[in-house]
Amino acid sequence: MGGTPIAVFLSLALPAKLPQRWVDEFLGGLLKLASKFAVPLAGGDTSKSPQKILADIVVLGSVPKRKAILRSGARPGDRIFVTGALGRAATTLAALLRGQGKKIPAPDLDRYFYPSPRVDVGRILREKGLATSMIDISDGLSTDLSHICEESKVGAELIADAIPHSETDLRFALHGGEEYELLFTAPAKTAIPARIANVPITEIGKIVRGRKMSLQIGGKLQKLVPEGWEHFRK
């Protein structure tokens, strides 16, 4: 939304027999990322869990009044952009689930286990008034784009060949999630830099009238169905 993180709160429920080393490493990872963005761990809670580890993390942020970039601002004719490259986190997870962890390059492991939120990119887009809507791609490009379309009451057309997914399967780039990249829209005549805060920016489609999402493959449009993570889907 273009805000600045200002505090993080952590609540943990832990089994009694959980090794202290696990707790230390968990907190170490959280505090390392918080320190990178100068965000203090401001509070939270701890309690005992019968079996499972439960973690609830809340981050508070601040944005100037009426300047937050919402999901509801996209308009027909706007262009659609993403930061970075998509699909690598989902590809890494699939390899881990197949027991191929030893074959995964270290950068890919880092991308899955240590994602870095694009705070600076979002802030710059807000300060310069470049984006009409925005969302992070934590649940998958197709699903998070559908959230923008739903809130903005518009449709979207993506170009498969334009989606930056390097050597990963296109399906992972479309539906994989866990990216923490940004998906945003901008007016047709607004100049968007190729890089913002040293992060690549790629145009991948456009906003259209109606409520349908489509994917252009080989010059032909096909229906794009949200297949990423949806919290309440059975």
C-alpha atoms as a PDB file:
ATOM      1  CA  MET A   1       0.000   0.000   0.000  1.00  0.00           C
ATOM      2  CA  GLY A   2       3.080   2.250  -0.066  1.00  0.00           C
ATOM      3  CA  GLY A   3       3.430   2.471   3.698  1.00  0.00           C
ATOM      4  CA  THR A   4       6.404   2.330   6.045  1.00  0.00           C
ATOM      5  CA  PRO A   5       6.585  -0.466   8.643  1.00  0.00           C
ATOM      6  CA  ILE A   6       6.887   0.886  12.192  1.00  0.00           C
ATOM      7  CA  ALA A   7       6.438  -2.063  14.614  1.00  0.00           C
ATOM      8  CA  VAL A   8       6.002  -5.831  14.718  1.00  0.00           C
ATOM      9  CA  PHE A   9       4.125  -7.964  17.268  1.00  0.00           C
ATOM     10  CA  LEU A  10       4.688 -11.691  17.755  1.00  0.00           C
ATOM     11  CA  SER A  11       2.516 -14.239  19.546  1.00  0.00           C
ATOM     12  CA  LEU A  12       3.858 -17.778  19.948  1.00  0.00           C
ATOM     13  CA  ALA A  13       2.236 -20.950  21.266  1.00  0.00           C
ATOM     14  CA  LEU A  14       4.860 -23.650  21.786  1.00  0.00           C
ATOM     15  CA  PRO A  15       4.921 -27.302  22.918  1.00  0.00           C
ATOM     16  CA  ALA A  16       6.656 -27.785  26.261  1.00  0.00           C
ATOM     17  CA  LYS A  17       9.277 -30.165  24.819  1.00  0.00           C
ATOM     18  CA  LEU A  18      10.274 -27.922  21.896  1.00  0.00           C
ATOM     19  CA  PRO A  19      14.071 -27.422  21.963  1.00  0.00           C
ATOM     20  CA  GLN A  20      15.199 -23.954  22.997  1.00  0.00           C
ATOM     21  CA  ARG A  21      17.441 -23.892  19.925  1.00  0.00           C
ATOM     22  CA  TRP A  22      14.372 -23.827  17.666  1.00  0.00           C
ATOM     23  CA  VAL A  23      12.969 -20.818  19.522  1.00  0.00           C
ATOM     24  CA  ASP A  24      16.302 -18.987  19.385  1.00  0.00           C
ATOM     25  CA  GLU A  25      16.677 -19.559  15.637  1.00  0.00           C
ATOM     26  CA  PHE A  26      13.071 -18.589  14.936  1.00  0.00           C
ATOM     27  CA  LEU A  27      13.456 -15.315  16.827  1.00  0.00           C
ATOM     28  CA  GLY A  28      16.854 -14.748  15.236  1.00  0.00           C
ATOM     29  CA  GLY A  29      15.369 -14.938  11.761  1.00  0.00           C
ATOM     30  CA  LEU A  30      12.483 -12.625  12.617  1.00  0.00           C
ATOM     31  CA  LEU A  31      14.726 -10.056  14.304  1.00  0.00           C
ATOM     32  CA  LYS A  32      17.219 -10.102  11.435  1.00  0.00           C
ATOM     33  CA  LEU A  33      14.536  -9.056   8.949  1.00  0.00           C
ATOM     34  CA  ALA A  34      13.038  -6.556  11.408  1.00  0.00           C
ATOM     35  CA  SER A  35      16.456  -4.995  11.947  1.00  0.00           C
ATOM     36  CA  LYS A  36      16.983  -4.668   8.187  1.00  0.00           C
ATOM     37  CA  PHE A  37      13.934  -2.413   8.022  1.00  0.00           C
ATOM     38  CA  ALA A  38      14.522  -0.735  11.427  1.00  0.00           C
ATOM     39  CA  VAL A  39      11.306  -2.205  12.835  1.00  0.00           C
ATOM     40  CA  PRO A  40      11.241  -2.982  16.591  1.00  0.00           C
ATOM     41  CA  LEU A  41       9.630  -6.068  18.075  1.00  0.00           C
ATOM     42  CA  ALA A  42       7.162  -4.077  20.154  1.00  0.00           C
ATOM     43  CA  GLY A  43       5.314  -6.837  21.988  1.00  0.00           C
ATOM     44  CA  GLY A  44       3.168  -9.930  21.691  1.00  0.00           C
ATOM     45  CA  ASP A  45       2.476 -12.993  23.813  1.00  0.00           C
ATOM     46  CA  THR A  46       3.658 -16.525  24.533  1.00  0.00           C
ATOM     47  CA  SER A  47       1.662 -19.533  25.638  1.00  0.00           C
ATOM     48  CA  LYS A  48       1.839 -23.323  25.826  1.00  0.00           C
ATOM     49  CA  SER A  49       0.539 -25.444  22.954  1.00  0.00           C
ATOM     50  CA  PRO A  50      -0.457 -29.126  23.368  1.00  0.00           C
ATOM     51  CA  GLN A  51       1.400 -30.265  20.225  1.00  0.00           C
ATOM     52  CA  LYS A  52       1.830 -27.776  17.404  1.00  0.00           C
ATOM     53  CA  ILE A  53       3.799 -24.576  16.969  1.00  0.00           C
ATOM     54  CA  LEU A  54       1.507 -21.598  16.396  1.00  0.00           C
ATOM     55  CA  ALA A  55       2.886 -18.220  15.328  1.00  0.00           C
ATOM     56  CA  ASP A  56       0.926 -15.029  14.734  1.00  0.00           C
ATOM     57  CA  ILE A  57       2.838 -12.013  13.419  1.00  0.00           C
ATOM     58  CA  VAL A  58       1.309  -8.549  13.017  1.00  0.00           C
ATOM     59  CA  VAL A  59       3.182  -5.654  11.408  1.00  0.00           C
ATOM     60  CA  LEU A  60       1.948  -2.094  11.852  1.00  0.00           C
ATOM     61  CA  GLY A  61       2.700   0.465   9.180  1.00  0.00           C
ATOM     62  CA  SER A  62       2.088   4.120   8.467  1.00  0.00           C
ATOM     63  CA  VAL A  63       1.134   5.987   5.319  1.00  0.00           C
ATOM     64  CA  PRO A  64       0.175   9.663   4.798  1.00  0.00           C
ATOM     65  CA  LYS A  65      -3.545  10.307   5.106  1.00  0.00           C
ATOM     66  CA  ARG A  66      -5.498   9.342   1.964  1.00  0.00           C
ATOM     67  CA  LYS A  67      -2.273   8.333   0.176  1.00  0.00           C
ATOM     68  CA  ALA A  68      -2.399   4.546   0.634  1.00  0.00           C
ATOM     69  CA  ILE A  69      -2.361   2.639  -2.663  1.00  0.00           C
ATOM     70  CA  LEU A  70      -5.459   0.449  -2.486  1.00  0.00           C
ATOM     71  CA  ARG A  71      -6.684  -2.511  -4.500  1.00  0.00           C
ATOM     72  CA  SER A  72      -9.656  -0.501  -5.710  1.00  0.00           C
ATOM     73  CA  GLY A  73      -7.980   2.121  -7.909  1.00  0.00           C
ATOM     74  CA  ALA A  74      -7.392   0.235 -11.177  1.00  0.00           C
ATOM     75  CA  ARG A  75      -9.195   1.584 -14.255  1.00  0.00           C
ATOM     76  CA  PRO A  76      -9.687   0.230 -17.806  1.00  0.00           C
ATOM     77  CA  GLY A  77      -6.645   1.115 -19.885  1.00  0.00           C
ATOM     78  CA  ASP A  78      -4.210   0.951 -16.968  1.00  0.00           C
ATOM     79  CA  ARG A  79      -1.113  -1.171 -17.540  1.00  0.00           C
ATOM     80  CA  ILE A  80      -0.216  -4.027 -15.189  1.00  0.00           C
ATOM     81  CA  PHE A  81       3.282  -4.385 -13.720  1.00  0.00           C
ATOM     82  CA  VAL A  82       5.159  -6.735 -11.378  1.00  0.00           C
ATOM     83  CA  THR A  83       8.431  -6.406  -9.526  1.00  0.00           C
ATOM     84  CA  GLY A  84      11.215  -8.968  -9.728  1.00  0.00           C
ATOM     85  CA  ALA A  85      10.696 -12.466 -11.152  1.00  0.00           C
ATOM     86  CA  LEU A  86       7.906 -14.900 -10.307  1.00  0.00           C
ATOM     87  CA  GLY A  87       7.672 -18.630  -9.673  1.00  0.00           C
ATOM     88  CA  ARG A  88      11.025 -19.395  -8.085  1.00  0.00           C
ATOM     89  CA  ALA A  89       9.664 -19.760  -4.531  1.00  0.00           C
ATOM     90  CA  ALA A  90       6.974 -22.226  -5.660  1.00  0.00           C
ATOM     91  CA  THR A  91       9.514 -24.136  -7.746  1.00  0.00           C
ATOM     92  CA  THR A  92      11.777 -24.444  -4.705  1.00  0.00           C
ATOM     93  CA  LEU A  93       8.933 -25.670  -2.498  1.00  0.00           C
ATOM     94  CA  ALA A  94       7.941 -28.297  -5.077  1.00  0.00           C
ATOM     95  CA  ALA A  95      11.544 -29.557  -5.190  1.00  0.00           C
ATOM     96  CA  LEU A  96      11.719 -29.718  -1.395  1.00  0.00           C
ATOM     97  CA  LEU A  97       8.495 -31.729  -1.249  1.00  0.00           C
ATOM     98  CA  ARG A  98      10.011 -34.162  -3.768  1.00  0.00           C
ATOM     99  CA  GLY A  99      13.029 -34.629  -1.498  1.00  0.00           C
ATOM    100  CA  GLN A 100      15.381 -32.797  -3.868  1.00  0.00           C
ATOM    101  CA  GLY A 101      16.570 -30.173  -1.396  1.00  0.00           C
ATOM    102  CA  LYS A 102      20.262 -30.927  -1.929  1.00  0.00           C
ATOM    103  CA  LYS A 103      19.960 -30.077  -5.626  1.00  0.00           C
ATOM    104  CA  ILE A 104      18.430 -26.634  -5.077  1.00  0.00           C
ATOM    105  CA  PRO A 105      20.807 -23.681  -5.663  1.00  0.00           C
ATOM    106  CA  ALA A 106      21.418 -21.547  -2.571  1.00  0.00           C
ATOM    107  CA  PRO A 107      19.867 -18.384  -4.112  1.00  0.00           C
ATOM    108  CA  ASP A 108      16.613 -20.270  -4.712  1.00  0.00           C
ATOM    109  CA  LEU A 109      16.564 -21.555  -1.137  1.00  0.00           C
ATOM    110  CA  ASP A 110      17.107 -18.014   0.096  1.00  0.00           C
ATOM    111  CA  ARG A 111      14.274 -16.748  -2.077  1.00  0.00           C
ATOM    112  CA  TYR A 112      11.862 -19.236  -0.492  1.00  0.00           C
ATOM    113  CA  PHE A 113      13.069 -19.128   3.125  1.00  0.00           C
ATOM    114  CA  TYR A 114      14.160 -15.488   3.298  1.00  0.00           C
ATOM    115  CA  PRO A 115      11.834 -13.387   1.107  1.00  0.00           C
ATOM    116  CA  SER A 116      12.453  -9.644   1.245  1.00  0.00           C
ATOM    117  CA  PRO A 117       9.382  -7.369   1.108  1.00  0.00           C
ATOM    118  CA  ARG A 118       9.539  -4.606  -1.503  1.00  0.00           C
ATOM    119  CA  VAL A 119       9.007  -1.783   0.984  1.00  0.00           C
ATOM    120  CA  ASP A 120      11.140   0.766  -0.869  1.00  0.00           C
ATOM    121  CA  VAL A 121       9.460   0.082  -4.216  1.00  0.00           C
ATOM    122  CA  GLY A 122       6.005   0.543  -2.712  1.00  0.00           C
ATOM    123  CA  ARG A 123       7.019   3.756  -0.971  1.00  0.00           C
ATOM    124  CA  ILE A 124       8.502   5.244  -4.162  1.00  0.00           C
ATOM    125  CA  LEU A 125       5.413   4.322  -6.193  1.00  0.00           C
ATOM    126  CA  ARG A 126       3.295   6.105  -3.584  1.00  0.00           C
ATOM    127  CA  GLU A 127       5.531   9.180  -3.259  1.00  0.00           C
ATOM    128  CA  LYS A 128       5.710   9.700  -7.020  1.00  0.00           C
ATOM    129  CA  GLY A 129       2.026   8.966  -7.586  1.00  0.00           C
ATOM    130  CA  LEU A 130       2.789   6.286 -10.190  1.00  0.00           C
ATOM    131  CA  ALA A 131       0.428   3.454  -9.196  1.00  0.00           C
ATOM    132  CA  THR A 132      -3.372   3.392  -9.266  1.00  0.00           C
ATOM    133  CA  SER A 133      -3.675   0.088  -7.340  1.00  0.00           C
ATOM    134  CA  MET A 134      -1.293  -2.369  -5.711  1.00  0.00           C
ATOM    135  CA  ILE A 135      -1.067  -5.675  -3.838  1.00  0.00           C
ATOM    136  CA  ASP A 136       1.736  -8.042  -2.853  1.00  0.00           C
ATOM    137  CA  ILE A 137       1.943 -11.426  -4.608  1.00  0.00           C
ATOM    138  CA  SER A 138       1.903 -13.648  -1.539  1.00  0.00           C
ATOM    139  CA  ASP A 139      -1.042 -15.788  -2.704  1.00  0.00           C
ATOM    140  CA  GLY A 140      -0.095 -16.100  -6.390  1.00  0.00           C
ATOM    141  CA  LEU A 141      -0.295 -13.724  -9.346  1.00  0.00           C
ATOM    142  CA  SER A 142      -3.638 -15.050 -10.624  1.00  0.00           C
ATOM    143  CA  THR A 143      -5.327 -14.866  -7.218  1.00  0.00           C
ATOM    144  CA  ASP A 144      -3.928 -11.505  -6.171  1.00  0.00           C
ATOM    145  CA  LEU A 145      -4.775  -9.995  -9.567  1.00  0.00           C
ATOM    146  CA  SER A 146      -8.325 -11.251  -9.058  1.00  0.00           C
ATOM    147  CA  HIS A 147      -8.446  -9.284  -5.780  1.00  0.00           C
ATOM    148  CA  ILE A 148      -7.557  -6.078  -7.638  1.00  0.00           C
ATOM    149  CA  CYS A 149     -10.133  -6.844 -10.335  1.00  0.00           C
ATOM    150  CA  GLU A 150     -12.823  -7.558  -7.741  1.00  0.00           C
ATOM    151  CA  GLU A 151     -12.164  -4.419  -5.690  1.00  0.00           C
ATOM    152  CA  SER A 152     -11.759  -2.191  -8.773  1.00  0.00           C
ATOM    153  CA  LYS A 153     -14.686  -3.782 -10.643  1.00  0.00           C
ATOM    154  CA  VAL A 154     -12.581  -4.391 -13.753  1.00  0.00           C
ATOM    155  CA  GLY A 155     -11.077  -7.240 -15.791  1.00  0.00           C
ATOM    156  CA  ALA A 156      -7.505  -7.958 -16.853  1.00  0.00           C
ATOM    157  CA  GLU A 157      -5.528  -9.376 -19.754  1.00  0.00           C
ATOM    158  CA  LEU A 158      -2.058 -10.795 -19.104  1.00  0.00           C
ATOM    159  CA  ILE A 159       0.562 -11.694 -21.728  1.00  0.00           C
ATOM    160  CA  ALA A 160       2.172 -15.036 -20.902  1.00  0.00           C
ATOM    161  CA  ASP A 161       5.446 -14.248 -22.676  1.00  0.00           C
ATOM    162  CA  ALA A 162       5.800 -10.998 -20.717  1.00  0.00           C
ATOM    163  CA  ILE A 163       5.590 -12.576 -17.241  1.00  0.00           C
ATOM    164  CA  PRO A 164       9.143 -12.694 -15.801  1.00  0.00           C
ATOM    165  CA  HIS A 165       9.615 -16.279 -14.659  1.00  0.00           C
ATOM    166  CA  SER A 166      13.140 -17.130 -15.921  1.00  0.00           C
ATOM    167  CA  GLU A 167      13.452 -20.932 -16.049  1.00  0.00           C
ATOM    168  CA  THR A 168      10.451 -21.782 -13.863  1.00  0.00           C
ATOM    169  CA  ASP A 169       7.185 -23.309 -15.046  1.00  0.00           C
ATOM    170  CA  LEU A 170       4.657 -20.658 -16.089  1.00  0.00           C
ATOM    171  CA  ARG A 171       2.067 -22.259 -13.795  1.00  0.00           C
ATOM    172  CA  PHE A 172       4.322 -21.618 -10.804  1.00  0.00           C
ATOM    173  CA  ALA A 173       4.676 -17.981 -11.880  1.00  0.00           C
ATOM    174  CA  LEU A 174       0.913 -17.610 -12.285  1.00  0.00           C
ATOM    175  CA  HIS A 175      -0.327 -19.475  -9.233  1.00  0.00           C
ATOM    176  CA  GLY A 176       2.624 -20.293  -6.953  1.00  0.00           C
ATOM    177  CA  GLY A 177       2.647 -17.418  -4.485  1.00  0.00           C
ATOM    178  CA  GLU A 178       5.049 -16.840  -1.574  1.00  0.00           C
ATOM    179  CA  GLU A 179       6.780 -14.248  -3.738  1.00  0.00           C
ATOM    180  CA  TYR A 180       6.285 -11.021  -1.776  1.00  0.00           C
ATOM    181  CA  GLU A 181       6.801  -9.171  -5.024  1.00  0.00           C
ATOM    182  CA  LEU A 182       4.448  -6.304  -5.883  1.00  0.00           C
ATOM    183  CA  LEU A 183       1.673  -6.299  -8.472  1.00  0.00           C
ATOM    184  CA  PHE A 184       0.507  -2.822  -9.415  1.00  0.00           C
ATOM    185  CA  THR A 185      -1.333  -0.896 -12.096  1.00  0.00           C
ATOM    186  CA  ALA A 186      -0.488   2.475 -13.645  1.00  0.00           C
ATOM    187  CA  PRO A 187      -2.171   4.820 -16.141  1.00  0.00           C
ATOM    188  CA  ALA A 188      -1.412   4.120 -19.805  1.00  0.00           C
ATOM    189  CA  LYS A 189       0.532   7.364 -20.301  1.00  0.00           C
ATOM    190  CA  THR A 190       2.512   7.229 -17.054  1.00  0.00           C
ATOM    191  CA  ALA A 191       6.193   6.451 -17.558  1.00  0.00           C
ATOM    192  CA  ILE A 192       7.260   3.572 -15.298  1.00  0.00           C
ATOM    193  CA  PRO A 193      11.029   3.076 -14.802  1.00  0.00           C
ATOM    194  CA  ALA A 194      12.588  -0.260 -15.769  1.00  0.00           C
ATOM    195  CA  ARG A 195      13.992  -0.456 -12.231  1.00  0.00           C
ATOM    196  CA  ILE A 196      12.830   1.068  -8.948  1.00  0.00           C
ATOM    197  CA  ALA A 197      15.059   0.860  -5.869  1.00  0.00           C
ATOM    198  CA  ASN A 198      17.263  -1.415  -8.008  1.00  0.00           C
ATOM    199  CA  VAL A 199      14.379  -3.903  -8.455  1.00  0.00           C
ATOM    200  CA  PRO A 200      13.353  -4.851 -12.044  1.00  0.00           C
ATOM    201  CA  ILE A 201       9.876  -3.711 -13.090  1.00  0.00           C
ATOM    202  CA  THR A 202       8.054  -5.583 -15.880  1.00  0.00           C
ATOM    203  CA  GLU A 203       4.853  -4.738 -17.739  1.00  0.00           C
ATOM    204  CA  ILE A 204       2.743  -7.906 -18.089  1.00  0.00           C
ATOM    205  CA  GLY A 205      -0.689  -6.823 -19.322  1.00  0.00           C
ATOM    206  CA  LYS A 206      -3.515  -4.331 -19.075  1.00  0.00           C
ATOM    207  CA  ILE A 207      -6.743  -3.625 -17.228  1.00  0.00           C
ATOM    208  CA  VAL A 208      -9.910  -3.985 -19.318  1.00  0.00           C
ATOM    209  CA  ARG A 209     -13.633  -3.406 -18.934  1.00  0.00           C
ATOM    210  CA  GLY A 210     -15.827  -6.177 -17.583  1.00  0.00           C
ATOM    211  CA  ARG A 211     -14.909  -8.603 -14.814  1.00  0.00           C
ATOM    212  CA  LYS A 212     -13.063 -11.374 -16.697  1.00  0.00           C
ATOM    213  CA  MET A 213      -9.366 -12.207 -16.500  1.00  0.00           C
ATOM    214  CA  SER A 214      -7.620 -13.563 -19.590  1.00  0.00           C
ATOM    215  CA  LEU A 215      -4.174 -14.870 -20.479  1.00  0.00           C
ATOM    216  CA  GLN A 216      -2.714 -14.323 -23.950  1.00  0.00           C
ATOM    217  CA  ILE A 217      -0.703 -17.311 -25.155  1.00  0.00           C
ATOM    218  CA  GLY A 218       0.552 -17.369 -28.733  1.00  0.00           C
ATOM    219  CA  GLY A 219      -1.673 -14.463 -29.679  1.00  0.00           C
ATOM    220  CA  LYS A 220      -4.837 -16.160 -28.398  1.00  0.00           C
ATOM    221  CA  LEU A 221      -6.746 -15.252 -25.258  1.00  0.00           C
ATOM    222  CA  GLN A 222      -7.851 -17.916 -22.827  1.00  0.00           C
ATOM    223  CA  LYS A 223      -9.684 -17.627 -19.537  1.00  0.00           C
ATOM    224  CA  LEU A 224      -7.430 -17.071 -16.537  1.00  0.00           C
ATOM    225  CA  VAL A 225      -8.783 -18.747 -13.418  1.00  0.00           C
ATOM    226  CA  PRO A 226      -7.378 -17.806  -9.989  1.00  0.00           C
ATOM    227  CA  GLU A 227      -5.560 -20.921  -8.767  1.00  0.00           C
ATOM    228  CA  GLY A 228      -3.342 -19.501  -6.073  1.00  0.00           C
ATOM    229  CA  TRP A 229      -3.882 -19.712  -2.328  1.00  0.00           C
ATOM    230  CA  GLU A 230      -7.338 -18.742  -1.042  1.00  0.00           C
ATOM    231  CA  HIS A 231      -7.686 -18.953   2.728  1.00  0.00           C
ATOM    232  CA  PHE A 232     -11.293 -20.071   2.917  1.00  0.00           C
ATOM    233  CA  ARG A 233     -11.479 -22.271  -0.179  1.00  0.00           C
ATOM    234  CA  LYS A 234     -12.222 -25.946   0.528  1.00  0.00           C
END
